[in-house]
Amino acid sequence: MDLKLLTKITILAVSENICSVSKKKTELISLFFIVFILISL
C-alpha cells in the first residue's frame, strides 16, 4: 500500500466530509474505520 497516496486520498475524503459533517457524521466515522483497516493491511 502506497502510504503517500493513501494519505492524499484520506485528506481529500476528510475535507469533503468536513463540509457536510453535520448531516453525514456516519460517513466520516465509516471513513476512519476504512483508513484504519487499510493501514493495518
Protein backbone atom coordinates (compact mmCIF):
# COMPACT_ATOMS: atom_id res chain seq x y z
CA MET A 1 0.00 0.00 0.00
CA ASP A 2 1.39 3.38 -1.05
CA LEU A 3 1.22 5.44 2.14
CA LYS A 4 1.56 8.82 0.40
CA LEU A 5 -1.30 8.01 -1.98
CA LEU A 6 -3.41 6.72 0.90
CA THR A 7 -2.73 9.92 2.84
CA LYS A 8 -3.76 12.10 -0.12
CA ILE A 9 -6.99 10.14 -0.61
CA THR A 10 -7.71 10.32 3.12
CA ILE A 11 -7.15 14.10 3.26
CA LEU A 12 -9.43 14.64 0.25
CA ALA A 13 -12.15 12.42 1.68
CA VAL A 14 -11.94 14.04 5.12
CA SER A 15 -12.06 17.52 3.57
CA GLU A 16 -15.21 16.61 1.64
CA ASN A 17 -16.80 15.10 4.74
CA ILE A 18 -15.99 18.09 6.96
CA CYS A 19 -18.01 20.30 4.58
CA SER A 20 -21.14 18.24 5.29
CA VAL A 21 -20.21 16.77 8.68
CA SER A 22 -23.43 17.93 10.34
CA LYS A 23 -25.58 15.74 8.08
CA LYS A 24 -23.11 12.94 7.36
CA LYS A 25 -21.39 12.09 10.64
CA THR A 26 -21.81 8.37 9.97
CA GLU A 27 -19.87 8.66 6.69
CA LEU A 28 -16.99 10.38 8.50
CA ILE A 29 -16.93 7.64 11.13
CA SER A 30 -17.01 4.99 8.39
CA LEU A 31 -14.10 6.71 6.64
CA PHE A 32 -11.93 6.44 9.75
CA PHE A 33 -12.71 2.72 10.04
CA ILE A 34 -11.76 2.21 6.37
CA VAL A 35 -8.49 4.11 6.89
CA PHE A 36 -7.58 2.02 9.96
CA ILE A 37 -8.33 -1.19 8.02
CA LEU A 38 -6.17 -0.09 5.07
CA ILE A 39 -3.27 0.89 7.35
CA SER A 40 -3.40 -2.46 9.15
CA LEU A 41 -3.18 -4.46 5.89
